[in-house]
Amino acid sequence: MIKRVTGVKYHPGHVWRLLGALDWTLQRPAKRAKERNETAIRHWVTTRWPAVKKTLGVAGPGSSSKTRAASRSGRPSAAHGPRAGRPPS
């Protein structure tokens, strides 16, 4: 649409930068849908959600490696290179 209106072609990744510079954000619904069915939602929450919720933790540890356990700290091990903030000696 930008090219059609202005004659200028932008890369899709750059369009987001332009829109951000203009304070544009993603559209979000301002209110709930008129078609919202509170009874159906309440039924789903009481019947289906407990079953779904129970299966979330079954996957095991968060590591994608089959031979290495997941790190809980989110930081790499200190054995991999110098510490942050200190120049190598």
Protein backbone atom coordinates (compact mmCIF):
# COMPACT_ATOMS: atom_id res chain seq x y z
CA MET A 1 0.00 0.00 0.00
CA ILE A 2 2.84 2.41 0.80
CA LYS A 3 4.34 1.90 -2.66
CA ARG A 4 0.95 2.32 -4.34
CA VAL A 5 0.20 5.57 -2.48
CA THR A 6 3.67 7.17 -2.29
CA GLY A 7 5.65 5.41 -4.99
CA VAL A 8 8.33 4.43 -2.44
CA LYS A 9 9.11 0.76 -1.75
CA TYR A 10 10.09 -0.22 1.82
CA HIS A 11 11.31 -3.51 3.26
CA PRO A 12 8.62 -4.97 5.60
CA GLY A 13 11.02 -4.84 8.56
CA HIS A 14 11.66 -1.14 7.97
CA VAL A 15 7.96 -0.35 7.78
CA TRP A 16 7.66 -1.27 11.48
CA ARG A 17 10.43 1.22 12.29
CA LEU A 18 8.64 3.96 10.38
CA LEU A 19 5.33 3.20 12.07
CA GLY A 20 7.02 3.11 15.48
CA ALA A 21 8.58 6.51 14.81
CA LEU A 22 5.05 7.80 14.18
CA ASP A 23 3.90 6.27 17.53
CA TRP A 24 1.77 3.64 15.80
CA THR A 25 1.23 0.38 17.68
CA LEU A 26 -0.45 -2.94 17.01
CA GLN A 27 -4.23 -2.82 17.07
CA ARG A 28 -5.75 -4.24 20.21
CA PRO A 29 -9.45 -4.70 20.90
CA ALA A 30 -10.79 -1.87 23.04
CA LYS A 31 -13.67 -3.90 24.44
CA ARG A 32 -15.02 -7.42 24.49
CA ALA A 33 -16.75 -8.86 21.46
CA LYS A 34 -20.52 -8.41 21.26
CA GLU A 35 -20.82 -12.09 20.34
CA ARG A 36 -19.11 -13.16 23.59
CA ASN A 37 -20.97 -16.06 25.22
CA GLU A 38 -20.34 -15.89 28.97
CA THR A 39 -22.14 -19.20 29.61
CA ALA A 40 -19.97 -21.08 27.11
CA ILE A 41 -16.82 -19.47 28.52
CA ARG A 42 -17.76 -20.40 32.09
CA HIS A 43 -18.46 -23.99 30.96
CA TRP A 44 -15.08 -24.23 29.17
CA VAL A 45 -13.21 -22.84 32.17
CA THR A 46 -14.80 -25.35 34.55
CA THR A 47 -14.62 -28.44 32.31
CA ARG A 48 -11.89 -28.16 29.68
CA TRP A 49 -9.33 -25.82 31.28
CA PRO A 50 -8.47 -28.09 34.25
CA ALA A 51 -7.52 -30.89 31.82
CA VAL A 52 -5.42 -28.56 29.69
CA LYS A 53 -3.75 -27.03 32.74
CA LYS A 54 -2.72 -30.45 34.10
CA THR A 55 -0.89 -31.34 30.88
CA LEU A 56 1.24 -28.18 30.76
CA GLY A 57 3.93 -29.42 33.17
CA VAL A 58 4.24 -32.95 31.77
CA ALA A 59 6.83 -32.03 29.11
CA GLY A 60 9.77 -32.22 31.53
CA PRO A 61 12.76 -29.88 31.86
CA GLY A 62 13.09 -26.84 29.64
CA SER A 63 16.28 -27.89 27.87
CA SER A 64 16.13 -28.74 24.18
CA SER A 65 19.14 -31.00 24.67
CA LYS A 66 18.45 -34.67 25.38
CA THR A 67 21.73 -35.03 27.31
CA ARG A 68 21.89 -31.78 29.28
CA ALA A 69 19.52 -30.64 32.01
CA ALA A 70 17.97 -27.19 31.81
CA SER A 71 19.68 -24.36 33.64
CA ARG A 72 17.40 -22.68 36.16
CA SER A 73 19.40 -19.44 36.35
CA GLY A 74 19.05 -18.59 32.66
CA ARG A 75 22.78 -17.71 32.56
CA PRO A 76 25.43 -19.72 30.76
CA SER A 77 27.93 -21.63 32.84
CA ALA A 78 31.00 -19.71 34.08
CA ALA A 79 33.21 -22.31 32.39
CA HIS A 80 32.40 -20.80 28.98
CA GLY A 81 34.73 -17.81 28.61
CA PRO A 82 35.64 -14.79 30.74
CA ARG A 83 33.30 -13.18 33.22
CA ALA A 84 31.26 -10.21 32.04
CA GLY A 85 32.78 -6.80 32.70
CA ARG A 86 36.39 -7.99 33.03
CA PRO A 87 38.93 -7.90 30.21
CA PRO A 88 40.60 -11.22 29.40
CA SER A 89 44.08 -11.59 30.90
